[in-house]
Amino acid sequence: QLVAICEPKAPSCDIHMICARLKMDGWMVNREGSV
């Protein structure tokens, strides 16, 4: 129900798409986009 990805290697602009494809409801990311 909760998952963290270190060094996701994906543009932060794709965060909404990643959240939806993981079937999660919310997300948070640091400014660097590393976590």
PDB file of all heavy atoms in Angstrom:
ATOM      1  N   GLN A   1       0.800  -1.218   0.000  1.00  0.00           N
ATOM      2  CA  GLN A   1       0.000   0.000   0.000  1.00  0.00           C
ATOM      3  C   GLN A   1       0.839   1.277   0.000  1.00  0.00           C
ATOM      4  O   GLN A   1       0.309   2.375  -0.197  1.00  0.00           O
ATOM      5  CB  GLN A   1      -0.919   0.017   1.227  1.00  0.00           C
ATOM      6  CG  GLN A   1      -1.890  -1.157   1.283  1.00  0.00           C
ATOM      7  CD  GLN A   1      -2.786  -1.088   2.489  1.00  0.00           C
ATOM      8  OE1 GLN A   1      -3.492  -0.105   2.702  1.00  0.00           O
ATOM      9  NE2 GLN A   1      -2.770  -2.125   3.305  1.00  0.00           N
ATOM     10  N   LEU A   2       2.120   1.129   0.227  1.00  0.00           N
ATOM     11  CA  LEU A   2       3.029   2.278   0.245  1.00  0.00           C
ATOM     12  C   LEU A   2       4.366   1.811  -0.308  1.00  0.00           C
ATOM     13  O   LEU A   2       4.902   0.799   0.137  1.00  0.00           O
ATOM     14  CB  LEU A   2       3.166   2.803   1.678  1.00  0.00           C
ATOM     15  CG  LEU A   2       3.955   4.088   1.916  1.00  0.00           C
ATOM     16  CD1 LEU A   2       3.434   4.784   3.171  1.00  0.00           C
ATOM     17  CD2 LEU A   2       5.445   3.822   2.086  1.00  0.00           C
ATOM     18  N   VAL A   3       4.888   2.541  -1.287  1.00  0.00           N
ATOM     19  CA  VAL A   3       6.132   2.118  -1.924  1.00  0.00           C
ATOM     20  C   VAL A   3       7.005   3.333  -2.217  1.00  0.00           C
ATOM     21  O   VAL A   3       6.508   4.387  -2.609  1.00  0.00           O
ATOM     22  CB  VAL A   3       5.857   1.328  -3.228  1.00  0.00           C
ATOM     23  CG1 VAL A   3       5.106   2.174  -4.242  1.00  0.00           C
ATOM     24  CG2 VAL A   3       7.142   0.789  -3.833  1.00  0.00           C
ATOM     25  N   ALA A   4       8.296   3.201  -1.980  1.00  0.00           N
ATOM     26  CA  ALA A   4       9.257   4.257  -2.300  1.00  0.00           C
ATOM     27  C   ALA A   4      10.203   3.747  -3.377  1.00  0.00           C
ATOM     28  O   ALA A   4      10.611   2.582  -3.356  1.00  0.00           O
ATOM     29  CB  ALA A   4      10.040   4.674  -1.061  1.00  0.00           C
ATOM     30  N   ILE A   5      10.550   4.619  -4.315  1.00  0.00           N
ATOM     31  CA  ILE A   5      11.478   4.283  -5.385  1.00  0.00           C
ATOM     32  C   ILE A   5      12.672   5.216  -5.287  1.00  0.00           C
ATOM     33  O   ILE A   5      12.529   6.445  -5.355  1.00  0.00           O
ATOM     34  CB  ILE A   5      10.821   4.416  -6.774  1.00  0.00           C
ATOM     35  CG1 ILE A   5       9.554   3.552  -6.864  1.00  0.00           C
ATOM     36  CG2 ILE A   5      11.806   4.015  -7.867  1.00  0.00           C
ATOM     37  CD1 ILE A   5       8.794   3.717  -8.171  1.00  0.00           C
ATOM     38  N   CYS A   6      13.857   4.652  -5.106  1.00  0.00           N
ATOM     39  CA  CYS A   6      15.092   5.433  -5.077  1.00  0.00           C
ATOM     40  C   CYS A   6      15.684   5.478  -6.479  1.00  0.00           C
ATOM     41  O   CYS A   6      15.751   4.442  -7.152  1.00  0.00           O
ATOM     42  CB  CYS A   6      16.101   4.815  -4.113  1.00  0.00           C
ATOM     43  SG  CYS A   6      15.511   4.679  -2.414  1.00  0.00           S
ATOM     44  N   GLU A   7      16.105   6.652  -6.902  1.00  0.00           N
ATOM     45  CA  GLU A   7      16.663   6.840  -8.240  1.00  0.00           C
ATOM     46  C   GLU A   7      15.726   6.258  -9.301  1.00  0.00           C
ATOM     47  O   GLU A   7      16.062   5.306 -10.009  1.00  0.00           O
ATOM     48  CB  GLU A   7      18.048   6.196  -8.347  1.00  0.00           C
ATOM     49  CG  GLU A   7      18.851   6.671  -9.543  1.00  0.00           C
ATOM     50  CD  GLU A   7      20.199   5.982  -9.665  1.00  0.00           C
ATOM     51  OE1 GLU A   7      20.419   4.955  -8.983  1.00  0.00           O
ATOM     52  OE2 GLU A   7      21.017   6.464 -10.453  1.00  0.00           O
ATOM     53  N   PRO A   8      14.519   6.830  -9.430  1.00  0.00           N
ATOM     54  CA  PRO A   8      13.511   6.243 -10.324  1.00  0.00           C
ATOM     55  C   PRO A   8      13.880   6.248 -11.804  1.00  0.00           C
ATOM     56  O   PRO A   8      13.302   5.498 -12.574  1.00  0.00           O
ATOM     57  CB  PRO A   8      12.279   7.119 -10.072  1.00  0.00           C
ATOM     58  CG  PRO A   8      12.807   8.397  -9.514  1.00  0.00           C
ATOM     59  CD  PRO A   8      14.029   8.025  -8.735  1.00  0.00           C
ATOM     60  N   LYS A   9      14.840   7.101 -12.209  1.00  0.00           N
ATOM     61  CA  LYS A   9      15.271   7.151 -13.606  1.00  0.00           C
ATOM     62  C   LYS A   9      14.101   7.431 -14.543  1.00  0.00           C
ATOM     63  O   LYS A   9      13.992   6.855 -15.625  1.00  0.00           O
ATOM     64  CB  LYS A   9      15.986   5.850 -14.011  1.00  0.00           C
ATOM     65  CG  LYS A   9      17.278   5.608 -13.238  1.00  0.00           C
ATOM     66  CD  LYS A   9      17.979   4.344 -13.683  1.00  0.00           C
ATOM     67  CE  LYS A   9      19.282   4.141 -12.899  1.00  0.00           C
ATOM     68  NZ  LYS A   9      19.992   2.907 -13.275  1.00  0.00           N
ATOM     69  N   ALA A  10      13.209   8.295 -14.090  1.00  0.00           N
ATOM     70  CA  ALA A  10      12.070   8.721 -14.901  1.00  0.00           C
ATOM     71  C   ALA A  10      11.855  10.204 -14.655  1.00  0.00           C
ATOM     72  O   ALA A  10      12.031  10.676 -13.529  1.00  0.00           O
ATOM     73  CB  ALA A  10      10.811   7.934 -14.532  1.00  0.00           C
ATOM     74  N   PRO A  11      11.490  10.972 -15.666  1.00  0.00           N
ATOM     75  CA  PRO A  11      11.261  12.403 -15.476  1.00  0.00           C
ATOM     76  C   PRO A  11      10.171  12.653 -14.428  1.00  0.00           C
ATOM     77  O   PRO A  11       9.181  11.918 -14.356  1.00  0.00           O
ATOM     78  CB  PRO A  11      10.800  12.869 -16.859  1.00  0.00           C
ATOM     79  CG  PRO A  11      11.311  11.843 -17.813  1.00  0.00           C
ATOM     80  CD  PRO A  11      11.284  10.547 -17.059  1.00  0.00           C
ATOM     81  N   SER A  12      10.384  13.659 -13.595  1.00  0.00           N
ATOM     82  CA  SER A  12       9.402  13.956 -12.551  1.00  0.00           C
ATOM     83  C   SER A  12       8.047  14.319 -13.135  1.00  0.00           C
ATOM     84  O   SER A  12       7.017  14.163 -12.473  1.00  0.00           O
ATOM     85  CB  SER A  12       9.912  15.095 -11.658  1.00  0.00           C
ATOM     86  OG  SER A  12      10.193  16.250 -12.438  1.00  0.00           O
ATOM     87  N   CYS A  13       8.032  14.774 -14.399  1.00  0.00           N
ATOM     88  CA  CYS A  13       6.751  15.111 -15.025  1.00  0.00           C
ATOM     89  C   CYS A  13       5.902  13.871 -15.276  1.00  0.00           C
ATOM     90  O   CYS A  13       4.695  13.970 -15.536  1.00  0.00           O
ATOM     91  CB  CYS A  13       6.981  15.870 -16.333  1.00  0.00           C
ATOM     92  SG  CYS A  13       7.948  14.964 -17.563  1.00  0.00           S
ATOM     93  N   ASP A  14       6.527  12.674 -15.225  1.00  0.00           N
ATOM     94  CA  ASP A  14       5.784  11.423 -15.439  1.00  0.00           C
ATOM     95  C   ASP A  14       5.211  10.863 -14.144  1.00  0.00           C
ATOM     96  O   ASP A  14       4.655   9.763 -14.139  1.00  0.00           O
ATOM     97  CB  ASP A  14       6.707  10.370 -16.060  1.00  0.00           C
ATOM     98  CG  ASP A  14       7.118  10.720 -17.483  1.00  0.00           C
ATOM     99  OD1 ASP A  14       6.443  11.561 -18.113  1.00  0.00           O
ATOM    100  OD2 ASP A  14       8.111  10.149 -17.967  1.00  0.00           O
ATOM    101  N   ILE A  15       5.342  11.589 -13.034  1.00  0.00           N
ATOM    102  CA  ILE A  15       4.967  11.057 -11.726  1.00  0.00           C
ATOM    103  C   ILE A  15       3.489  10.690 -11.659  1.00  0.00           C
ATOM    104  O   ILE A  15       3.112   9.688 -11.054  1.00  0.00           O
ATOM    105  CB  ILE A  15       5.339  12.067 -10.617  1.00  0.00           C
ATOM    106  CG1 ILE A  15       5.375  11.379  -9.256  1.00  0.00           C
ATOM    107  CG2 ILE A  15       4.437  13.271 -10.615  1.00  0.00           C
ATOM    108  CD1 ILE A  15       6.621  10.624  -8.993  1.00  0.00           C
ATOM    109  N   HIS A  16       2.626  11.488 -12.313  1.00  0.00           N
ATOM    110  CA  HIS A  16       1.185  11.193 -12.303  1.00  0.00           C
ATOM    111  C   HIS A  16       0.922   9.862 -13.009  1.00  0.00           C
ATOM    112  O   HIS A  16       0.124   9.040 -12.534  1.00  0.00           O
ATOM    113  CB  HIS A  16       0.404  12.318 -12.987  1.00  0.00           C
ATOM    114  CG  HIS A  16       0.465  13.618 -12.272  1.00  0.00           C
ATOM    115  ND1 HIS A  16      -0.317  13.899 -11.165  1.00  0.00           N
ATOM    116  CD2 HIS A  16       1.214  14.729 -12.492  1.00  0.00           C
ATOM    117  CE1 HIS A  16      -0.055  15.122 -10.744  1.00  0.00           C
ATOM    118  NE2 HIS A  16       0.875  15.642 -11.518  1.00  0.00           N
ATOM    119  N   MET A  17       1.574   9.654 -14.150  1.00  0.00           N
ATOM    120  CA  MET A  17       1.382   8.419 -14.903  1.00  0.00           C
ATOM    121  C   MET A  17       1.887   7.220 -14.111  1.00  0.00           C
ATOM    122  O   MET A  17       1.225   6.178 -14.062  1.00  0.00           O
ATOM    123  CB  MET A  17       2.127   8.507 -16.232  1.00  0.00           C
ATOM    124  CG  MET A  17       2.026   7.244 -17.084  1.00  0.00           C
ATOM    125  SD  MET A  17       3.227   7.208 -18.431  1.00  0.00           S
ATOM    126  CE  MET A  17       4.761   7.002 -17.511  1.00  0.00           C
ATOM    127  N   ILE A  18       3.048   7.359 -13.470  1.00  0.00           N
ATOM    128  CA  ILE A  18       3.599   6.261 -12.673  1.00  0.00           C
ATOM    129  C   ILE A  18       2.658   5.911 -11.531  1.00  0.00           C
ATOM    130  O   ILE A  18       2.387   4.742 -11.259  1.00  0.00           O
ATOM    131  CB  ILE A  18       4.995   6.641 -12.133  1.00  0.00           C
ATOM    132  CG1 ILE A  18       5.979   6.824 -13.287  1.00  0.00           C
ATOM    133  CG2 ILE A  18       5.505   5.576 -11.168  1.00  0.00           C
ATOM    134  CD1 ILE A  18       7.325   7.383 -12.868  1.00  0.00           C
ATOM    135  N   CYS A  19       2.136   6.940 -10.866  1.00  0.00           N
ATOM    136  CA  CYS A  19       1.205   6.720  -9.761  1.00  0.00           C
ATOM    137  C   CYS A  19      -0.021   5.934 -10.226  1.00  0.00           C
ATOM    138  O   CYS A  19      -0.450   4.982  -9.569  1.00  0.00           O
ATOM    139  CB  CYS A  19       0.787   8.076  -9.171  1.00  0.00           C
ATOM    140  SG  CYS A  19      -0.234   7.976  -7.688  1.00  0.00           S
ATOM    141  N   ALA A  20      -0.569   6.309 -11.358  1.00  0.00           N
ATOM    142  CA  ALA A  20      -1.754   5.625 -11.876  1.00  0.00           C
ATOM    143  C   ALA A  20      -1.441   4.195 -12.270  1.00  0.00           C
ATOM    144  O   ALA A  20      -2.210   3.269 -11.976  1.00  0.00           O
ATOM    145  CB  ALA A  20      -2.307   6.399 -13.071  1.00  0.00           C
ATOM    146  N   ARG A  21      -0.288   3.961 -12.900  1.00  0.00           N
ATOM    147  CA  ARG A  21       0.049   2.616 -13.352  1.00  0.00           C
ATOM    148  C   ARG A  21       0.384   1.690 -12.188  1.00  0.00           C
ATOM    149  O   ARG A  21       0.240   0.470 -12.304  1.00  0.00           O
ATOM    150  CB  ARG A  21       1.203   2.677 -14.348  1.00  0.00           C
ATOM    151  CG  ARG A  21       0.830   3.416 -15.627  1.00  0.00           C
ATOM    152  CD  ARG A  21       1.821   3.176 -16.728  1.00  0.00           C
ATOM    153  NE  ARG A  21       1.873   1.768 -17.107  1.00  0.00           N
ATOM    154  CZ  ARG A  21       2.716   1.283 -18.008  1.00  0.00           C
ATOM    155  NH1 ARG A  21       3.570   2.087 -18.615  1.00  0.00           N
ATOM    156  NH2 ARG A  21       2.724  -0.006 -18.300  1.00  0.00           N
ATOM    157  N   LEU A  22       0.819   2.266 -11.068  1.00  0.00           N
ATOM    158  CA  LEU A  22       1.054   1.456  -9.867  1.00  0.00           C
ATOM    159  C   LEU A  22      -0.226   1.254  -9.062  1.00  0.00           C
ATOM    160  O   LEU A  22      -0.211   0.579  -8.037  1.00  0.00           O
ATOM    161  CB  LEU A  22       2.114   2.124  -8.991  1.00  0.00           C
ATOM    162  CG  LEU A  22       3.531   2.192  -9.556  1.00  0.00           C
ATOM    163  CD1 LEU A  22       4.456   2.926  -8.585  1.00  0.00           C
ATOM    164  CD2 LEU A  22       4.074   0.799  -9.843  1.00  0.00           C
ATOM    165  N   LYS A  23      -1.308   1.857  -9.506  1.00  0.00           N
ATOM    166  CA  LYS A  23      -2.618   1.789  -8.839  1.00  0.00           C
ATOM    167  C   LYS A  23      -2.541   2.361  -7.425  1.00  0.00           C
ATOM    168  O   LYS A  23      -3.124   1.829  -6.479  1.00  0.00           O
ATOM    169  CB  LYS A  23      -3.140   0.347  -8.828  1.00  0.00           C
ATOM    170  CG  LYS A  23      -3.385  -0.215 -10.220  1.00  0.00           C
ATOM    171  CD  LYS A  23      -3.967  -1.616 -10.191  1.00  0.00           C
ATOM    172  CE  LYS A  23      -4.209  -2.122 -11.608  1.00  0.00           C
ATOM    173  NZ  LYS A  23      -4.760  -3.505 -11.615  1.00  0.00           N
ATOM    174  N   MET A  24      -1.805   3.464  -7.314  1.00  0.00           N
ATOM    175  CA  MET A  24      -1.727   4.208  -6.073  1.00  0.00           C
ATOM    176  C   MET A  24      -2.574   5.467  -6.183  1.00  0.00           C
ATOM    177  O   MET A  24      -2.986   5.864  -7.281  1.00  0.00           O
ATOM    178  CB  MET A  24      -0.273   4.563  -5.757  1.00  0.00           C
ATOM    179  CG  MET A  24       0.618   3.354  -5.502  1.00  0.00           C
ATOM    180  SD  MET A  24       0.194   2.524  -3.947  1.00  0.00           S
ATOM    181  CE  MET A  24       1.211   1.050  -4.040  1.00  0.00           C
ATOM    182  N   ASP A  25      -2.855   6.086  -5.048  1.00  0.00           N
ATOM    183  CA  ASP A  25      -3.755   7.238  -5.027  1.00  0.00           C
ATOM    184  C   ASP A  25      -3.036   8.569  -4.819  1.00  0.00           C
ATOM    185  O   ASP A  25      -3.582   9.631  -5.122  1.00  0.00           O
ATOM    186  CB  ASP A  25      -4.807   7.062  -3.921  1.00  0.00           C
ATOM    187  CG  ASP A  25      -5.643   5.810  -4.128  1.00  0.00           C
ATOM    188  OD1 ASP A  25      -6.287   5.705  -5.185  1.00  0.00           O
ATOM    189  OD2 ASP A  25      -5.640   4.936  -3.241  1.00  0.00           O
ATOM    190  N   GLY A  26      -1.824   8.534  -4.276  1.00  0.00           N
ATOM    191  CA  GLY A  26      -1.094   9.766  -4.025  1.00  0.00           C
ATOM    192  C   GLY A  26       0.389   9.551  -4.158  1.00  0.00           C
ATOM    193  O   GLY A  26       0.870   8.415  -4.186  1.00  0.00           O
ATOM    194  N   TRP A  27       1.121  10.637  -4.235  1.00  0.00           N
ATOM    195  CA  TRP A  27       2.568  10.540  -4.403  1.00  0.00           C
ATOM    196  C   TRP A  27       3.243  11.762  -3.801  1.00  0.00           C
ATOM    197  O   TRP A  27       2.639  12.820  -3.636  1.00  0.00           O
ATOM    198  CB  TRP A  27       2.936  10.419  -5.882  1.00  0.00           C
ATOM    199  CG  TRP A  27       2.412  11.558  -6.724  1.00  0.00           C
ATOM    200  CD1 TRP A  27       1.216  11.595  -7.389  1.00  0.00           C
ATOM    201  CD2 TRP A  27       3.033  12.825  -6.956  1.00  0.00           C
ATOM    202  NE1 TRP A  27       1.056  12.791  -8.027  1.00  0.00           N
ATOM    203  CE2 TRP A  27       2.158  13.577  -7.777  1.00  0.00           C
ATOM    204  CE3 TRP A  27       4.236  13.393  -6.558  1.00  0.00           C
ATOM    205  CZ2 TRP A  27       2.455  14.867  -8.213  1.00  0.00           C
ATOM    206  CZ3 TRP A  27       4.541  14.690  -6.973  1.00  0.00           C
ATOM    207  CH2 TRP A  27       3.654  15.405  -7.804  1.00  0.00           C
ATOM    208  N   MET A  28       4.525  11.597  -3.481  1.00  0.00           N
ATOM    209  CA  MET A  28       5.368  12.698  -3.042  1.00  0.00           C
ATOM    210  C   MET A  28       6.769  12.433  -3.584  1.00  0.00           C
ATOM    211  O   MET A  28       7.189  11.279  -3.710  1.00  0.00           O
ATOM    212  CB  MET A  28       5.384  12.831  -1.517  1.00  0.00           C
ATOM    213  CG  MET A  28       4.005  12.972  -0.918  1.00  0.00           C
ATOM    214  SD  MET A  28       3.985  13.574   0.786  1.00  0.00           S
ATOM    215  CE  MET A  28       4.175  15.328   0.519  1.00  0.00           C
ATOM    216  N   VAL A  29       7.495  13.505  -3.891  1.00  0.00           N
ATOM    217  CA  VAL A  29       8.826  13.365  -4.466  1.00  0.00           C
ATOM    218  C   VAL A  29       9.685  14.527  -3.989  1.00  0.00           C
ATOM    219  O   VAL A  29       9.180  15.630  -3.790  1.00  0.00           O
ATOM    220  CB  VAL A  29       8.758  13.319  -6.017  1.00  0.00           C
ATOM    221  CG1 VAL A  29       8.140  14.587  -6.580  1.00  0.00           C
ATOM    222  CG2 VAL A  29      10.124  13.065  -6.616  1.00  0.00           C
ATOM    223  N   ASN A  30      10.965  14.270  -3.764  1.00  0.00           N
ATOM    224  CA  ASN A  30      11.845  15.379  -3.391  1.00  0.00           C
ATOM    225  C   ASN A  30      12.180  16.213  -4.629  1.00  0.00           C
ATOM    226  O   ASN A  30      11.974  15.776  -5.769  1.00  0.00           O
ATOM    227  CB  ASN A  30      13.101  14.890  -2.673  1.00  0.00           C
ATOM    228  CG  ASN A  30      14.012  14.056  -3.561  1.00  0.00           C
ATOM    229  OD1 ASN A  30      13.620  13.578  -4.624  1.00  0.00           O
ATOM    230  ND2 ASN A  30      15.245  13.859  -3.128  1.00  0.00           N
ATOM    231  N   ARG A  31      12.679  17.419  -4.414  1.00  0.00           N
ATOM    232  CA  ARG A  31      12.900  18.343  -5.521  1.00  0.00           C
ATOM    233  C   ARG A  31      13.915  17.815  -6.527  1.00  0.00           C
ATOM    234  O   ARG A  31      13.824  18.097  -7.718  1.00  0.00           O
ATOM    235  CB  ARG A  31      13.351  19.705  -4.980  1.00  0.00           C
ATOM    236  CG  ARG A  31      12.213  20.527  -4.393  1.00  0.00           C
ATOM    237  CD  ARG A  31      12.710  21.833  -3.822  1.00  0.00           C
ATOM    238  NE  ARG A  31      13.520  21.613  -2.625  1.00  0.00           N
ATOM    239  CZ  ARG A  31      14.097  22.598  -1.933  1.00  0.00           C
ATOM    240  NH1 ARG A  31      13.968  23.849  -2.316  1.00  0.00           N
ATOM    241  NH2 ARG A  31      14.807  22.326  -0.845  1.00  0.00           N
ATOM    242  N   GLU A  32      14.880  17.048  -6.048  1.00  0.00           N
ATOM    243  CA  GLU A  32      15.897  16.473  -6.933  1.00  0.00           C
ATOM    244  C   GLU A  32      15.321  15.382  -7.826  1.00  0.00           C
ATOM    245  O   GLU A  32      15.877  15.050  -8.872  1.00  0.00           O
ATOM    246  CB  GLU A  32      17.039  15.898  -6.080  1.00  0.00           C
ATOM    247  CG  GLU A  32      18.229  15.419  -6.859  1.00  0.00           C
ATOM    248  CD  GLU A  32      19.248  16.519  -7.119  1.00  0.00           C
ATOM    249  OE1 GLU A  32      18.951  17.687  -6.816  1.00  0.00           O
ATOM    250  OE2 GLU A  32      20.327  16.197  -7.612  1.00  0.00           O
ATOM    251  N   GLY A  33      14.182  14.816  -7.402  1.00  0.00           N
ATOM    252  CA  GLY A  33      13.595  13.705  -8.146  1.00  0.00           C
ATOM    253  C   GLY A  33      14.306  12.390  -7.912  1.00  0.00           C
ATOM    254  O   GLY A  33      14.069  11.411  -8.632  1.00  0.00           O
ATOM    255  N   SER A  34      15.151  12.326  -6.876  1.00  0.00           N
ATOM    256  CA  SER A  34      15.926  11.107  -6.613  1.00  0.00           C
ATOM    257  C   SER A  34      15.162  10.094  -5.772  1.00  0.00           C
ATOM    258  O   SER A  34      15.540   8.926  -5.714  1.00  0.00           O
ATOM    259  CB  SER A  34      17.241  11.456  -5.907  1.00  0.00           C
ATOM    260  OG  SER A  34      16.996  12.055  -4.646  1.00  0.00           O
ATOM    261  N   VAL A  35      14.093  10.536  -5.093  1.00  0.00           N
ATOM    262  CA  VAL A  35      13.276   9.647  -4.269  1.00  0.00           C
ATOM    263  C   VAL A  35      11.806   9.971  -4.507  1.00  0.00           C
ATOM    264  O   VAL A  35      11.382  11.118  -4.339  1.00  0.00           O
ATOM    265  CB  VAL A  35      13.591   9.798  -2.767  1.00  0.00           C
ATOM    266  CG1 VAL A  35      12.776   8.790  -1.958  1.00  0.00           C
ATOM    267  CG2 VAL A  35      15.073   9.628  -2.494  1.00  0.00           C
TER     268      VAL A  35
END
